[in-house]
Amino acid sequence: MLYFYSVFQSAEVQKLWVLGKRQEAKVKREEKYVYLTSL
């Protein structure tokens, strides 16, 4: 049970990490776009 939980938890953490990175990339891209359009 504990092993299953740790595997599940690491999968959740990985998913959150990937989502966070994707969100970060999206924000960076939007910032770049805003910067270019404001020139």
PDB file of N, CA and C in Angstrom:
ATOM      1  N   MET A   1       0.835  -1.206   0.000  1.00  0.00           N
ATOM      2  CA  MET A   1       0.000   0.000   0.000  1.00  0.00           C
ATOM      3  C   MET A   1       0.871   1.258   0.000  1.00  0.00           C
ATOM      4  N   LEU A   2       1.851   1.261   0.892  1.00  0.00           N
ATOM      5  CA  LEU A   2       2.747   2.413   1.002  1.00  0.00           C
ATOM      6  C   LEU A   2       3.526   2.611  -0.294  1.00  0.00           C
ATOM      7  N   TYR A   3       3.972   1.498  -0.864  1.00  0.00           N
ATOM      8  CA  TYR A   3       4.714   1.557  -2.130  1.00  0.00           C
ATOM      9  C   TYR A   3       3.835   2.133  -3.239  1.00  0.00           C
ATOM     10  N   PHE A   4       2.607   1.642  -3.306  1.00  0.00           N
ATOM     11  CA  PHE A   4       1.664   2.129  -4.311  1.00  0.00           C
ATOM     12  C   PHE A   4       1.437   3.629  -4.141  1.00  0.00           C
ATOM     13  N   TYR A   5       1.290   4.046  -2.898  1.00  0.00           N
ATOM     14  CA  TYR A   5       1.059   5.461  -2.608  1.00  0.00           C
ATOM     15  C   TYR A   5       2.239   6.316  -3.066  1.00  0.00           C
ATOM     16  N   SER A   6       3.447   5.850  -2.789  1.00  0.00           N
ATOM     17  CA  SER A   6       4.638   6.616  -3.178  1.00  0.00           C
ATOM     18  C   SER A   6       4.757   6.717  -4.697  1.00  0.00           C
ATOM     19  N   VAL A   7       4.401   5.647  -5.395  1.00  0.00           N
ATOM     20  CA  VAL A   7       4.424   5.669  -6.860  1.00  0.00           C
ATOM     21  C   VAL A   7       3.383   6.651  -7.372  1.00  0.00           C
ATOM     22  N   PHE A   8       2.198   6.584  -6.796  1.00  0.00           N
ATOM     23  CA  PHE A   8       1.114   7.487  -7.176  1.00  0.00           C
ATOM     24  C   PHE A   8       1.510   8.935  -6.913  1.00  0.00           C
ATOM     25  N   GLN A   9       2.114   9.158  -5.747  1.00  0.00           N
ATOM     26  CA  GLN A   9       2.525  10.501  -5.349  1.00  0.00           C
ATOM     27  C   GLN A   9       3.572  11.069  -6.303  1.00  0.00           C
ATOM     28  N   SER A  10       4.557  10.252  -6.657  1.00  0.00           N
ATOM     29  CA  SER A  10       5.604  10.717  -7.565  1.00  0.00           C
ATOM     30  C   SER A  10       5.028  11.018  -8.948  1.00  0.00           C
ATOM     31  N   ALA A  11       4.033  10.231  -9.361  1.00  0.00           N
ATOM     32  CA  ALA A  11       3.373  10.484 -10.644  1.00  0.00           C
ATOM     33  C   ALA A  11       2.632  11.814 -10.593  1.00  0.00           C
ATOM     34  N   GLU A  12       1.974  12.083  -9.475  1.00  0.00           N
ATOM     35  CA  GLU A  12       1.262  13.347  -9.282  1.00  0.00           C
ATOM     36  C   GLU A  12       2.234  14.525  -9.297  1.00  0.00           C
ATOM     37  N   VAL A  13       3.334  14.363  -8.582  1.00  0.00           N
ATOM     38  CA  VAL A  13       4.358  15.414  -8.515  1.00  0.00           C
ATOM     39  C   VAL A  13       4.916  15.697  -9.904  1.00  0.00           C
ATOM     40  N   GLN A  14       5.176  14.623 -10.639  1.00  0.00           N
ATOM     41  CA  GLN A  14       5.703  14.761 -11.995  1.00  0.00           C
ATOM     42  C   GLN A  14       4.714  15.514 -12.884  1.00  0.00           C
ATOM     43  N   LYS A  15       3.431  15.159 -12.760  1.00  0.00           N
ATOM     44  CA  LYS A  15       2.387  15.797 -13.558  1.00  0.00           C
ATOM     45  C   LYS A  15       2.308  17.286 -13.230  1.00  0.00           C
ATOM     46  N   LEU A  16       2.346  17.600 -11.931  1.00  0.00           N
ATOM     47  CA  LEU A  16       2.299  18.993 -11.503  1.00  0.00           C
ATOM     48  C   LEU A  16       3.521  19.760 -12.002  1.00  0.00           C
ATOM     49  N   TRP A  17       4.685  19.100 -11.947  1.00  0.00           N
ATOM     50  CA  TRP A  17       5.929  19.722 -12.405  1.00  0.00           C
ATOM     51  C   TRP A  17       5.850  20.040 -13.891  1.00  0.00           C
ATOM     52  N   VAL A  18       5.349  19.070 -14.667  1.00  0.00           N
ATOM     53  CA  VAL A  18       5.210  19.261 -16.115  1.00  0.00           C
ATOM     54  C   VAL A  18       4.231  20.391 -16.404  1.00  0.00           C
ATOM     55  N   LEU A  19       3.107  20.405 -15.692  1.00  0.00           N
ATOM     56  CA  LEU A  19       2.123  21.472 -15.875  1.00  0.00           C
ATOM     57  C   LEU A  19       2.723  22.830 -15.523  1.00  0.00           C
ATOM     58  N   GLY A  20       3.497  22.856 -14.440  1.00  0.00           N
ATOM     59  CA  GLY A  20       4.153  24.088 -14.022  1.00  0.00           C
ATOM     60  C   GLY A  20       5.124  24.594 -15.069  1.00  0.00           C
ATOM     61  N   LYS A  21       5.912  23.698 -15.627  1.00  0.00           N
ATOM     62  CA  LYS A  21       6.882  24.064 -16.663  1.00  0.00           C
ATOM     63  C   LYS A  21       6.174  24.575 -17.909  1.00  0.00           C
ATOM     64  N   ARG A  22       5.080  23.919 -18.265  1.00  0.00           N
ATOM     65  CA  ARG A  22       4.321  24.320 -19.449  1.00  0.00           C
ATOM     66  C   ARG A  22       3.731  25.718 -19.246  1.00  0.00           C
ATOM     67  N   GLN A  23       3.201  25.954 -18.041  1.00  0.00           N
ATOM     68  CA  GLN A  23       2.629  27.255 -17.699  1.00  0.00           C
ATOM     69  C   GLN A  23       3.716  28.328 -17.754  1.00  0.00           C
ATOM     70  N   GLU A  24       4.879  27.998 -17.215  1.00  0.00           N
ATOM     71  CA  GLU A  24       6.028  28.905 -17.204  1.00  0.00           C
ATOM     72  C   GLU A  24       6.423  29.288 -18.631  1.00  0.00           C
ATOM     73  N   ALA A  25       6.495  28.289 -19.497  1.00  0.00           N
ATOM     74  CA  ALA A  25       6.860  28.520 -20.893  1.00  0.00           C
ATOM     75  C   ALA A  25       5.822  29.401 -21.575  1.00  0.00           C
ATOM     76  N   LYS A  26       4.561  29.158 -21.272  1.00  0.00           N
ATOM     77  CA  LYS A  26       3.464  29.928 -21.853  1.00  0.00           C
ATOM     78  C   LYS A  26       3.570  31.398 -21.428  1.00  0.00           C
ATOM     79  N   VAL A  27       3.827  31.614 -20.152  1.00  0.00           N
ATOM     80  CA  VAL A  27       3.965  32.979 -19.626  1.00  0.00           C
ATOM     81  C   VAL A  27       5.147  33.685 -20.280  1.00  0.00           C
ATOM     82  N   LYS A  28       6.286  32.995 -20.382  1.00  0.00           N
ATOM     83  CA  LYS A  28       7.473  33.576 -21.014  1.00  0.00           C
ATOM     84  C   LYS A  28       7.188  33.979 -22.452  1.00  0.00           C
ATOM     85  N   ARG A  29       6.479  33.107 -23.174  1.00  0.00           N
ATOM     86  CA  ARG A  29       6.145  33.368 -24.568  1.00  0.00           C
ATOM     87  C   ARG A  29       5.226  34.585 -24.668  1.00  0.00           C
ATOM     88  N   GLU A  30       4.250  34.672 -23.773  1.00  0.00           N
ATOM     89  CA  GLU A  30       3.333  35.809 -23.772  1.00  0.00           C
ATOM     90  C   GLU A  30       4.064  37.105 -23.438  1.00  0.00           C
ATOM     91  N   GLU A  31       4.995  37.037 -22.485  1.00  0.00           N
ATOM     92  CA  GLU A  31       5.789  38.212 -22.121  1.00  0.00           C
ATOM     93  C   GLU A  31       6.598  38.703 -23.315  1.00  0.00           C
ATOM     94  N   LYS A  32       7.193  37.765 -24.026  1.00  0.00           N
ATOM     95  CA  LYS A  32       7.992  38.098 -25.202  1.00  0.00           C
ATOM     96  C   LYS A  32       7.108  38.771 -26.254  1.00  0.00           C
ATOM     97  N   TYR A  33       5.917  38.217 -26.453  1.00  0.00           N
ATOM     98  CA  TYR A  33       4.969  38.754 -27.425  1.00  0.00           C
ATOM     99  C   TYR A  33       4.552  40.175 -27.044  1.00  0.00           C
ATOM    100  N   VAL A  34       4.239  40.374 -25.771  1.00  0.00           N
ATOM    101  CA  VAL A  34       3.842  41.701 -25.283  1.00  0.00           C
ATOM    102  C   VAL A  34       4.989  42.691 -25.474  1.00  0.00           C
ATOM    103  N   TYR A  35       6.205  42.242 -25.165  1.00  0.00           N
ATOM    104  CA  TYR A  35       7.391  43.082 -25.320  1.00  0.00           C
ATOM    105  C   TYR A  35       7.573  43.497 -26.778  1.00  0.00           C
ATOM    106  N   LEU A  36       7.416  42.555 -27.691  1.00  0.00           N
ATOM    107  CA  LEU A  36       7.594  42.847 -29.116  1.00  0.00           C
ATOM    108  C   LEU A  36       6.513  43.786 -29.639  1.00  0.00           C
ATOM    109  N   THR A  37       5.289  43.611 -29.178  1.00  0.00           N
ATOM    110  CA  THR A  37       4.191  44.448 -29.663  1.00  0.00           C
ATOM    111  C   THR A  37       4.235  45.848 -29.058  1.00  0.00           C
ATOM    112  N   SER A  38       4.937  45.992 -27.921  1.00  0.00           N
ATOM    113  CA  SER A  38       5.008  47.306 -27.282  1.00  0.00           C
ATOM    114  C   SER A  38       6.165  48.154 -27.816  1.00  0.00           C
ATOM    115  N   LEU A  39       7.008  47.575 -28.649  1.00  0.00           N
ATOM    116  CA  LEU A  39       8.153  48.319 -29.198  1.00  0.00           C
ATOM    117  C   LEU A  39       7.705  49.360 -30.220  1.00  0.00           C
TER     118      LEU A  39
END
